[in-house]
Amino acid sequence: MATLLLVLVCTAGASAAQRARDAAFHSIALGGTLHFEVYLPADYSTSGLHYPVVYFLHGLPTGPAGYRGVGFVENALDGLDREAILVAPQGARSGDTDPEYLDRGPRRRWETAITGELPRIVDARFRTIAARRGRALVGLSAGGYGAMHLGLAHLGEFSVVEAWSGYFHPTDPTGTRPLDLGSARDNDRADVHRQATRVLAQLHALPTLIAFYVGKRDSRFAAENELLNRELTREHVQHVFRLYQGGHDQSLWGRHAPAWLALALAHLAPAR
């Protein structure tokens, strides 16, 4: 198997030069480069501590630089008492703008790249708490779907799973129609509602924060969020669900980012 290579380049901007880094490695799963942004705690260079990691999945469809639009998450993280490393991976490339964080075939194995390869790279290069108790998977919109699907599929790797204005079955780029993955088996595997039923024993056995929210005026995704809440409640799966004033927009996400990051960090091991 080819060796995974890491390339780090500091981003421009004096205020962020030592803390925000644009990183990349050669992904075998994608047959090419996977970029990701890393945002380090303020005292990272001097503390000697190992930190929990929040993996943040951006929305889709988007271009290859969509992973860089996480400034509001970085700002929210800076205002919290507990520190963590933020990692925002690329979820789309030129010509592949809406892969839905799924394994879609050769050179399009996004799930494998993000849940398998990426944590290995991050743990090897940075001072992380390299264990389940030190990893959260959080996502926004399509990234919320990605976080919930990938988190449930890899419960042994992540102890916190949050979806912000997400949905729970793969959709086409408009977010209004289900995405046909080519077979009943693949469609079933990618459907979070069915997936949650399959992993009930793990959810009851492993201490996991499952949390999600949506805006009341989110005409595409509010009903499905409420449905998942009812399904998890019926199966006695502990979770957090909130229905907020607002739609599917940046003002909602920016307003609630501090509280939901604080919730995630409260369920992760602290820096040590």
C-alpha atoms as a PDB file:
ATOM      1  CA  MET A   1       0.000   0.000   0.000  1.00  0.00           C
ATOM      2  CA  ALA A   2       1.349   3.415  -0.899  1.00  0.00           C
ATOM      3  CA  THR A   3       2.584   5.602   1.933  1.00  0.00           C
ATOM      4  CA  LEU A   4       0.284   8.452   2.889  1.00  0.00           C
ATOM      5  CA  LEU A   5       2.135  11.738   2.539  1.00  0.00           C
ATOM      6  CA  LEU A   6       1.391  14.894   4.497  1.00  0.00           C
ATOM      7  CA  VAL A   7       1.974  18.395   3.181  1.00  0.00           C
ATOM      8  CA  LEU A   8       1.454  21.414   5.397  1.00  0.00           C
ATOM      9  CA  VAL A   9       1.299  24.985   4.196  1.00  0.00           C
ATOM     10  CA  CYS A  10       0.505  27.879   6.538  1.00  0.00           C
ATOM     11  CA  THR A  11      -2.417  29.952   5.330  1.00  0.00           C
ATOM     12  CA  ALA A  12      -2.048  33.626   4.627  1.00  0.00           C
ATOM     13  CA  GLY A  13      -2.948  36.182   7.239  1.00  0.00           C
ATOM     14  CA  ALA A  14      -0.777  37.214  10.176  1.00  0.00           C
ATOM     15  CA  SER A  15      -3.409  36.545  12.832  1.00  0.00           C
ATOM     16  CA  ALA A  16      -3.967  32.954  11.721  1.00  0.00           C
ATOM     17  CA  ALA A  17      -0.569  32.007  10.353  1.00  0.00           C
ATOM     18  CA  GLN A  18       0.472  29.949  13.388  1.00  0.00           C
ATOM     19  CA  ARG A  19      -2.909  28.366  14.091  1.00  0.00           C
ATOM     20  CA  ALA A  20      -4.717  27.775  10.792  1.00  0.00           C
ATOM     21  CA  ARG A  21      -3.027  25.464   8.341  1.00  0.00           C
ATOM     22  CA  ASP A  22      -4.011  24.211   4.940  1.00  0.00           C
ATOM     23  CA  ALA A  23      -2.974  20.583   4.841  1.00  0.00           C
ATOM     24  CA  ALA A  24      -3.109  17.745   2.337  1.00  0.00           C
ATOM     25  CA  PHE A  25      -2.204  14.107   1.882  1.00  0.00           C
ATOM     26  CA  HIS A  26      -2.312  11.566  -0.899  1.00  0.00           C
ATOM     27  CA  SER A  27      -5.511   9.599  -0.410  1.00  0.00           C
ATOM     28  CA  ILE A  28      -5.511   6.036  -1.673  1.00  0.00           C
ATOM     29  CA  ALA A  29      -9.306   5.967  -1.331  1.00  0.00           C
ATOM     30  CA  LEU A  30      -9.661   8.993  -3.625  1.00  0.00           C
ATOM     31  CA  GLY A  31      -6.740   8.234  -5.888  1.00  0.00           C
ATOM     32  CA  GLY A  32      -5.454  11.758  -5.394  1.00  0.00           C
ATOM     33  CA  THR A  33      -4.959  14.604  -2.960  1.00  0.00           C
ATOM     34  CA  LEU A  34      -7.342  15.287  -0.090  1.00  0.00           C
ATOM     35  CA  HIS A  35      -7.063  18.778   1.378  1.00  0.00           C
ATOM     36  CA  PHE A  36      -8.125  19.761   4.870  1.00  0.00           C
ATOM     37  CA  GLU A  37      -7.847  22.775   7.148  1.00  0.00           C
ATOM     38  CA  VAL A  38      -6.475  22.418  10.664  1.00  0.00           C
ATOM     39  CA  TYR A  39      -7.151  25.029  13.344  1.00  0.00           C
ATOM     40  CA  LEU A  40      -4.968  24.649  16.421  1.00  0.00           C
ATOM     41  CA  PRO A  41      -5.627  25.843  19.988  1.00  0.00           C
ATOM     42  CA  ALA A  42      -4.064  29.149  20.964  1.00  0.00           C
ATOM     43  CA  ASP A  43      -1.544  27.503  23.294  1.00  0.00           C
ATOM     44  CA  TYR A  44      -0.755  24.523  21.058  1.00  0.00           C
ATOM     45  CA  SER A  45       2.866  25.529  20.376  1.00  0.00           C
ATOM     46  CA  THR A  46       3.741  25.878  24.072  1.00  0.00           C
ATOM     47  CA  SER A  47       1.441  23.622  26.091  1.00  0.00           C
ATOM     48  CA  GLY A  48       2.724  20.165  25.203  1.00  0.00           C
ATOM     49  CA  LEU A  49      -0.853  18.912  25.693  1.00  0.00           C
ATOM     50  CA  HIS A  50      -2.764  16.385  23.593  1.00  0.00           C
ATOM     51  CA  TYR A  51      -6.152  17.690  22.412  1.00  0.00           C
ATOM     52  CA  PRO A  52      -9.494  16.245  21.350  1.00  0.00           C
ATOM     53  CA  VAL A  53     -10.345  16.719  17.676  1.00  0.00           C
ATOM     54  CA  VAL A  54     -13.568  18.045  16.162  1.00  0.00           C
ATOM     55  CA  TYR A  55     -13.907  16.888  12.550  1.00  0.00           C
ATOM     56  CA  PHE A  56     -16.221  19.311  10.745  1.00  0.00           C
ATOM     57  CA  LEU A  57     -17.900  18.396   7.438  1.00  0.00           C
ATOM     58  CA  HIS A  58     -19.020  21.286   5.225  1.00  0.00           C
ATOM     59  CA  GLY A  59     -22.144  21.546   3.088  1.00  0.00           C
ATOM     60  CA  LEU A  60     -22.583  20.376  -0.513  1.00  0.00           C
ATOM     61  CA  PRO A  61     -22.604  20.830  -3.450  1.00  0.00           C
ATOM     62  CA  THR A  62     -19.537  23.006  -3.537  1.00  0.00           C
ATOM     63  CA  GLY A  63     -16.181  23.439  -5.189  1.00  0.00           C
ATOM     64  CA  PRO A  64     -12.841  21.999  -4.125  1.00  0.00           C
ATOM     65  CA  ALA A  65     -12.139  24.883  -1.722  1.00  0.00           C
ATOM     66  CA  GLY A  66     -15.398  24.596   0.245  1.00  0.00           C
ATOM     67  CA  TYR A  67     -13.566  23.196   3.269  1.00  0.00           C
ATOM     68  CA  ARG A  68     -11.989  26.599   3.873  1.00  0.00           C
ATOM     69  CA  GLY A  69     -15.285  28.287   4.769  1.00  0.00           C
ATOM     70  CA  VAL A  70     -15.247  27.361   8.457  1.00  0.00           C
ATOM     71  CA  GLY A  71     -14.203  30.695   9.963  1.00  0.00           C
ATOM     72  CA  PHE A  72     -17.390  30.961  12.002  1.00  0.00           C
ATOM     73  CA  VAL A  73     -16.649  27.565  13.566  1.00  0.00           C
ATOM     74  CA  GLU A  74     -13.110  28.653  14.416  1.00  0.00           C
ATOM     75  CA  ASN A  75     -14.415  31.854  16.008  1.00  0.00           C
ATOM     76  CA  ALA A  76     -16.974  29.932  18.046  1.00  0.00           C
ATOM     77  CA  LEU A  77     -14.326  27.496  19.231  1.00  0.00           C
ATOM     78  CA  ASP A  78     -12.095  30.369  20.370  1.00  0.00           C
ATOM     79  CA  GLY A  79     -14.818  31.610  22.719  1.00  0.00           C
ATOM     80  CA  LEU A  80     -15.108  28.350  24.669  1.00  0.00           C
ATOM     81  CA  ASP A  81     -13.421  27.332  27.892  1.00  0.00           C
ATOM     82  CA  ARG A  82     -12.305  23.939  26.586  1.00  0.00           C
ATOM     83  CA  GLU A  83      -9.820  23.638  23.740  1.00  0.00           C
ATOM     84  CA  ALA A  84      -9.761  21.310  20.754  1.00  0.00           C
ATOM     85  CA  ILE A  85      -8.177  20.893  17.358  1.00  0.00           C
ATOM     86  CA  LEU A  86     -10.586  21.609  14.506  1.00  0.00           C
ATOM     87  CA  VAL A  87     -10.156  19.633  11.274  1.00  0.00           C
ATOM     88  CA  ALA A  88     -12.293  20.511   8.233  1.00  0.00           C
ATOM     89  CA  PRO A  89     -11.711  18.074   5.349  1.00  0.00           C
ATOM     90  CA  GLN A  90     -12.445  18.644   1.703  1.00  0.00           C
ATOM     91  CA  GLY A  91     -15.745  17.008   0.747  1.00  0.00           C
ATOM     92  CA  ALA A  92     -15.795  17.797  -2.974  1.00  0.00           C
ATOM     93  CA  ARG A  93     -13.449  18.202  -5.913  1.00  0.00           C
ATOM     94  CA  SER A  94     -13.625  19.648  -9.420  1.00  0.00           C
ATOM     95  CA  GLY A  95     -16.001  17.419 -11.342  1.00  0.00           C
ATOM     96  CA  ASP A  96     -17.204  15.753  -8.128  1.00  0.00           C
ATOM     97  CA  THR A  97     -19.087  18.498  -6.322  1.00  0.00           C
ATOM     98  CA  ASP A  98     -21.725  16.470  -4.468  1.00  0.00           C
ATOM     99  CA  PRO A  99     -20.399  13.032  -3.445  1.00  0.00           C
ATOM    100  CA  GLU A 100     -22.473  13.074  -0.227  1.00  0.00           C
ATOM    101  CA  TYR A 101     -19.534  11.804   1.866  1.00  0.00           C
ATOM    102  CA  LEU A 102     -20.136   8.267   0.560  1.00  0.00           C
ATOM    103  CA  ASP A 103     -17.996   5.571  -0.992  1.00  0.00           C
ATOM    104  CA  ARG A 104     -19.148   5.906  -4.612  1.00  0.00           C
ATOM    105  CA  GLY A 105     -16.653   3.606  -6.351  1.00  0.00           C
ATOM    106  CA  PRO A 106     -12.969   3.692  -7.372  1.00  0.00           C
ATOM    107  CA  ARG A 107     -11.305   7.040  -6.689  1.00  0.00           C
ATOM    108  CA  ARG A 108     -14.534   8.293  -5.061  1.00  0.00           C
ATOM    109  CA  ARG A 109     -14.347   6.531  -1.684  1.00  0.00           C
ATOM    110  CA  TRP A 110     -15.060   9.589   0.444  1.00  0.00           C
ATOM    111  CA  GLU A 111     -16.247   7.669   3.507  1.00  0.00           C
ATOM    112  CA  THR A 112     -13.018   5.669   3.610  1.00  0.00           C
ATOM    113  CA  ALA A 113     -10.878   8.761   3.112  1.00  0.00           C
ATOM    114  CA  ILE A 114     -12.552  10.766   5.871  1.00  0.00           C
ATOM    115  CA  THR A 115     -13.159   8.105   8.525  1.00  0.00           C
ATOM    116  CA  GLY A 116     -10.130   5.910   7.873  1.00  0.00           C
ATOM    117  CA  GLU A 117      -7.241   7.750   6.273  1.00  0.00           C
ATOM    118  CA  LEU A 118      -7.761  11.268   7.638  1.00  0.00           C
ATOM    119  CA  PRO A 119      -7.760  10.431  11.392  1.00  0.00           C
ATOM    120  CA  ARG A 120      -4.577   8.407  10.917  1.00  0.00           C
ATOM    121  CA  ILE A 121      -2.876  11.385   9.282  1.00  0.00           C
ATOM    122  CA  VAL A 122      -4.115  13.853  11.903  1.00  0.00           C
ATOM    123  CA  ASP A 123      -3.143  11.610  14.832  1.00  0.00           C
ATOM    124  CA  ALA A 124       0.319  11.041  13.350  1.00  0.00           C
ATOM    125  CA  ARG A 125       1.078  14.704  12.734  1.00  0.00           C
ATOM    126  CA  PHE A 126      -0.605  16.540  15.605  1.00  0.00           C
ATOM    127  CA  ARG A 127      -0.843  16.070  19.364  1.00  0.00           C
ATOM    128  CA  THR A 128      -4.294  14.528  19.516  1.00  0.00           C
ATOM    129  CA  ILE A 129      -6.139  12.267  21.917  1.00  0.00           C
ATOM    130  CA  ALA A 130      -5.909   9.425  19.418  1.00  0.00           C
ATOM    131  CA  ALA A 131      -8.905   7.452  20.626  1.00  0.00           C
ATOM    132  CA  ARG A 132     -12.680   7.350  20.304  1.00  0.00           C
ATOM    133  CA  ARG A 133     -13.132   9.506  23.404  1.00  0.00           C
ATOM    134  CA  GLY A 134     -11.099  12.241  21.707  1.00  0.00           C
ATOM    135  CA  ARG A 135     -12.998  12.494  18.407  1.00  0.00           C
ATOM    136  CA  ALA A 136     -16.204  14.294  17.418  1.00  0.00           C
ATOM    137  CA  LEU A 137     -17.782  14.272  13.968  1.00  0.00           C
ATOM    138  CA  VAL A 138     -19.880  17.369  13.275  1.00  0.00           C
ATOM    139  CA  GLY A 139     -21.455  18.467  10.012  1.00  0.00           C
ATOM    140  CA  LEU A 140     -23.519  21.228   8.455  1.00  0.00           C
ATOM    141  CA  SER A 141     -26.358  20.600   5.952  1.00  0.00           C
ATOM    142  CA  ALA A 142     -25.030  17.851   3.640  1.00  0.00           C
ATOM    143  CA  GLY A 143     -22.161  17.615   6.085  1.00  0.00           C
ATOM    144  CA  GLY A 144     -24.780  16.938   8.749  1.00  0.00           C
ATOM    145  CA  TYR A 145     -25.939  13.960   6.723  1.00  0.00           C
ATOM    146  CA  GLY A 146     -22.314  12.924   6.307  1.00  0.00           C
ATOM    147  CA  ALA A 147     -21.600  13.226  10.025  1.00  0.00           C
ATOM    148  CA  MET A 148     -24.653  11.218  11.046  1.00  0.00           C
ATOM    149  CA  HIS A 149     -24.163   8.482   8.446  1.00  0.00           C
ATOM    150  CA  LEU A 150     -20.411   8.169   8.941  1.00  0.00           C
ATOM    151  CA  GLY A 151     -20.693   8.461  12.715  1.00  0.00           C
ATOM    152  CA  LEU A 152     -23.222   5.633  12.948  1.00  0.00           C
ATOM    153  CA  ALA A 153     -21.200   3.525  10.516  1.00  0.00           C
ATOM    154  CA  HIS A 154     -18.039   4.033  12.572  1.00  0.00           C
ATOM    155  CA  LEU A 155     -19.212   4.232  16.172  1.00  0.00           C
ATOM    156  CA  GLY A 156     -15.932   2.716  17.296  1.00  0.00           C
ATOM    157  CA  GLU A 157     -14.082   5.790  16.042  1.00  0.00           C
ATOM    158  CA  PHE A 158     -16.225   8.744  17.186  1.00  0.00           C
ATOM    159  CA  SER A 159     -17.887   9.359  20.551  1.00  0.00           C
ATOM    160  CA  VAL A 160     -19.762  12.515  19.461  1.00  0.00           C
ATOM    161  CA  VAL A 161     -21.925  12.898  16.341  1.00  0.00           C
ATOM    162  CA  GLU A 162     -23.713  16.184  15.586  1.00  0.00           C
ATOM    163  CA  ALA A 163     -25.772  17.293  12.568  1.00  0.00           C
ATOM    164  CA  TRP A 164     -26.531  20.994  12.148  1.00  0.00           C
ATOM    165  CA  SER A 165     -29.484  21.473   9.750  1.00  0.00           C
ATOM    166  CA  GLY A 166     -28.698  18.119   8.205  1.00  0.00           C
ATOM    167  CA  TYR A 167     -30.792  15.473   6.491  1.00  0.00           C
ATOM    168  CA  PHE A 168     -30.716  11.713   6.871  1.00  0.00           C
ATOM    169  CA  HIS A 169     -30.749  10.105   3.449  1.00  0.00           C
ATOM    170  CA  PRO A 170     -28.524  11.019   0.496  1.00  0.00           C
ATOM    171  CA  THR A 171     -30.058  13.603  -1.818  1.00  0.00           C
ATOM    172  CA  ASP A 172     -29.457  15.101  -5.234  1.00  0.00           C
ATOM    173  CA  PRO A 173     -27.735  18.530  -5.405  1.00  0.00           C
ATOM    174  CA  THR A 174     -31.036  20.358  -4.842  1.00  0.00           C
ATOM    175  CA  GLY A 175     -31.600  18.563  -1.543  1.00  0.00           C
ATOM    176  CA  THR A 176     -35.162  17.777  -2.599  1.00  0.00           C
ATOM    177  CA  ARG A 177     -34.941  14.309  -4.168  1.00  0.00           C
ATOM    178  CA  PRO A 178     -33.431  11.043  -2.896  1.00  0.00           C
ATOM    179  CA  LEU A 179     -30.180   9.999  -4.532  1.00  0.00           C
ATOM    180  CA  ASP A 180     -30.252   6.552  -6.128  1.00  0.00           C
ATOM    181  CA  LEU A 181     -26.909   4.884  -5.406  1.00  0.00           C
ATOM    182  CA  GLY A 182     -27.508   2.107  -7.911  1.00  0.00           C
ATOM    183  CA  SER A 183     -28.775  -0.752  -5.762  1.00  0.00           C
ATOM    184  CA  ALA A 184     -31.306  -1.395  -3.007  1.00  0.00           C
ATOM    185  CA  ARG A 185     -28.478  -2.561  -0.766  1.00  0.00           C
ATOM    186  CA  ASP A 186     -26.463   0.635  -1.185  1.00  0.00           C
ATOM    187  CA  ASN A 187     -29.545   2.824  -0.785  1.00  0.00           C
ATOM    188  CA  ASP A 188     -30.462   0.994   2.416  1.00  0.00           C
ATOM    189  CA  ARG A 189     -26.974   1.263   3.860  1.00  0.00           C
ATOM    190  CA  ALA A 190     -26.877   5.030   3.258  1.00  0.00           C
ATOM    191  CA  ASP A 191     -30.275   5.727   4.859  1.00  0.00           C
ATOM    192  CA  VAL A 192     -29.725   6.940   8.430  1.00  0.00           C
ATOM    193  CA  HIS A 193     -33.218   5.935   9.578  1.00  0.00           C
ATOM    194  CA  ARG A 194     -32.568   2.285   8.676  1.00  0.00           C
ATOM    195  CA  GLN A 195     -28.952   2.512   9.739  1.00  0.00           C
ATOM    196  CA  ALA A 196     -29.881   3.616  13.256  1.00  0.00           C
ATOM    197  CA  THR A 197     -32.113   0.573  13.619  1.00  0.00           C
ATOM    198  CA  ARG A 198     -29.256  -1.720  12.587  1.00  0.00           C
ATOM    199  CA  VAL A 199     -26.818  -0.302  15.146  1.00  0.00           C
ATOM    200  CA  LEU A 200     -29.195  -0.061  18.108  1.00  0.00           C
ATOM    201  CA  ALA A 201     -27.160  -2.509  20.182  1.00  0.00           C
ATOM    202  CA  GLN A 202     -24.010  -0.437  19.678  1.00  0.00           C
ATOM    203  CA  LEU A 203     -25.820   2.795  20.426  1.00  0.00           C
ATOM    204  CA  HIS A 204     -27.075   1.366  23.704  1.00  0.00           C
ATOM    205  CA  ALA A 205     -23.686  -0.138  24.583  1.00  0.00           C
ATOM    206  CA  LEU A 206     -21.291   2.671  23.617  1.00  0.00           C
ATOM    207  CA  PRO A 207     -21.417   6.075  25.328  1.00  0.00           C
ATOM    208  CA  THR A 208     -22.194   8.282  22.330  1.00  0.00           C
ATOM    209  CA  LEU A 209     -23.572  11.782  22.036  1.00  0.00           C
ATOM    210  CA  ILE A 210     -26.042  11.826  19.150  1.00  0.00           C
ATOM    211  CA  ALA A 211     -27.257  15.401  18.651  1.00  0.00           C
ATOM    212  CA  PHE A 212     -28.964  17.307  15.859  1.00  0.00           C
ATOM    213  CA  TYR A 213     -30.934  20.496  15.257  1.00  0.00           C
ATOM    214  CA  VAL A 214     -32.825  22.226  12.480  1.00  0.00           C
ATOM    215  CA  GLY A 215     -34.631  25.504  11.865  1.00  0.00           C
ATOM    216  CA  LYS A 216     -38.419  25.511  12.019  1.00  0.00           C
ATOM    217  CA  ARG A 217     -38.571  27.274   8.646  1.00  0.00           C
ATOM    218  CA  ASP A 218     -36.214  24.803   6.958  1.00  0.00           C
ATOM    219  CA  SER A 219     -38.747  23.581   4.395  1.00  0.00           C
ATOM    220  CA  ARG A 220     -36.483  20.848   3.044  1.00  0.00           C
ATOM    221  CA  PHE A 221     -35.168  19.236   6.210  1.00  0.00           C
ATOM    222  CA  ALA A 222     -37.242  20.119   9.293  1.00  0.00           C
ATOM    223  CA  ALA A 223     -39.745  17.276   8.876  1.00  0.00           C
ATOM    224  CA  GLU A 224     -37.034  14.642   8.500  1.00  0.00           C
ATOM    225  CA  ASN A 225     -35.236  15.877  11.607  1.00  0.00           C
ATOM    226  CA  GLU A 226     -38.440  15.611  13.586  1.00  0.00           C
ATOM    227  CA  LEU A 227     -38.969  12.103  12.205  1.00  0.00           C
ATOM    228  CA  LEU A 228     -35.506  10.954  13.311  1.00  0.00           C
ATOM    229  CA  ASN A 229     -36.148  12.425  16.746  1.00  0.00           C
ATOM    230  CA  ARG A 230     -39.334  10.355  17.047  1.00  0.00           C
ATOM    231  CA  GLU A 231     -37.600   7.212  15.812  1.00  0.00           C
ATOM    232  CA  LEU A 232     -34.709   7.487  18.275  1.00  0.00           C
ATOM    233  CA  THR A 233     -37.099   8.307  21.112  1.00  0.00           C
ATOM    234  CA  ARG A 234     -39.194   5.250  20.293  1.00  0.00           C
ATOM    235  CA  GLU A 235     -36.072   3.041  20.412  1.00  0.00           C
ATOM    236  CA  HIS A 236     -34.934   4.632  23.708  1.00  0.00           C
ATOM    237  CA  VAL A 237     -31.713   5.958  22.154  1.00  0.00           C
ATOM    238  CA  GLN A 238     -30.428   8.859  24.199  1.00  0.00           C
ATOM    239  CA  HIS A 239     -29.954  11.921  22.020  1.00  0.00           C
ATOM    240  CA  VAL A 240     -30.321  15.703  21.885  1.00  0.00           C
ATOM    241  CA  PHE A 241     -32.682  17.330  19.402  1.00  0.00           C
ATOM    242  CA  ARG A 242     -33.561  21.005  19.087  1.00  0.00           C
ATOM    243  CA  LEU A 243     -35.967  22.813  16.787  1.00  0.00           C
ATOM    244  CA  TYR A 244     -34.965  26.475  16.505  1.00  0.00           C
ATOM    245  CA  GLN A 245     -36.460  29.614  15.053  1.00  0.00           C
ATOM    246  CA  GLY A 246     -34.902  30.171  11.646  1.00  0.00           C
ATOM    247  CA  GLY A 247     -34.365  28.575   8.273  1.00  0.00           C
ATOM    248  CA  HIS A 248     -31.477  26.965   6.449  1.00  0.00           C
ATOM    249  CA  ASP A 249     -28.997  29.815   6.677  1.00  0.00           C
ATOM    250  CA  GLN A 250     -25.743  31.133   8.088  1.00  0.00           C
ATOM    251  CA  SER A 251     -27.400  33.252  10.753  1.00  0.00           C
ATOM    252  CA  LEU A 252     -28.860  30.125  12.372  1.00  0.00           C
ATOM    253  CA  TRP A 253     -25.590  28.221  12.270  1.00  0.00           C
ATOM    254  CA  GLY A 254     -23.491  31.097  13.536  1.00  0.00           C
ATOM    255  CA  ARG A 255     -25.897  31.786  16.385  1.00  0.00           C
ATOM    256  CA  HIS A 256     -25.834  28.233  17.686  1.00  0.00           C
ATOM    257  CA  ALA A 257     -22.259  27.192  16.856  1.00  0.00           C
ATOM    258  CA  PRO A 258     -20.804  28.095  20.301  1.00  0.00           C
ATOM    259  CA  ALA A 259     -23.412  26.112  22.254  1.00  0.00           C
ATOM    260  CA  TRP A 260     -23.214  23.060  20.008  1.00  0.00           C
ATOM    261  CA  LEU A 261     -19.423  22.998  19.998  1.00  0.00           C
ATOM    262  CA  ALA A 262     -19.514  23.324  23.795  1.00  0.00           C
ATOM    263  CA  LEU A 263     -21.929  20.384  23.912  1.00  0.00           C
ATOM    264  CA  ALA A 264     -19.563  18.290  21.798  1.00  0.00           C
ATOM    265  CA  LEU A 265     -16.501  19.165  23.873  1.00  0.00           C
ATOM    266  CA  ALA A 266     -18.328  18.393  27.111  1.00  0.00           C
ATOM    267  CA  HIS A 267     -18.634  14.796  25.904  1.00  0.00           C
ATOM    268  CA  LEU A 268     -15.007  14.491  24.754  1.00  0.00           C
ATOM    269  CA  ALA A 269     -11.936  13.831  26.843  1.00  0.00           C
ATOM    270  CA  PRO A 270     -10.311  17.148  27.835  1.00  0.00           C
ATOM    271  CA  ALA A 271      -6.841  18.159  26.728  1.00  0.00           C
ATOM    272  CA  ARG A 272      -4.232  16.389  28.811  1.00  0.00           C
END
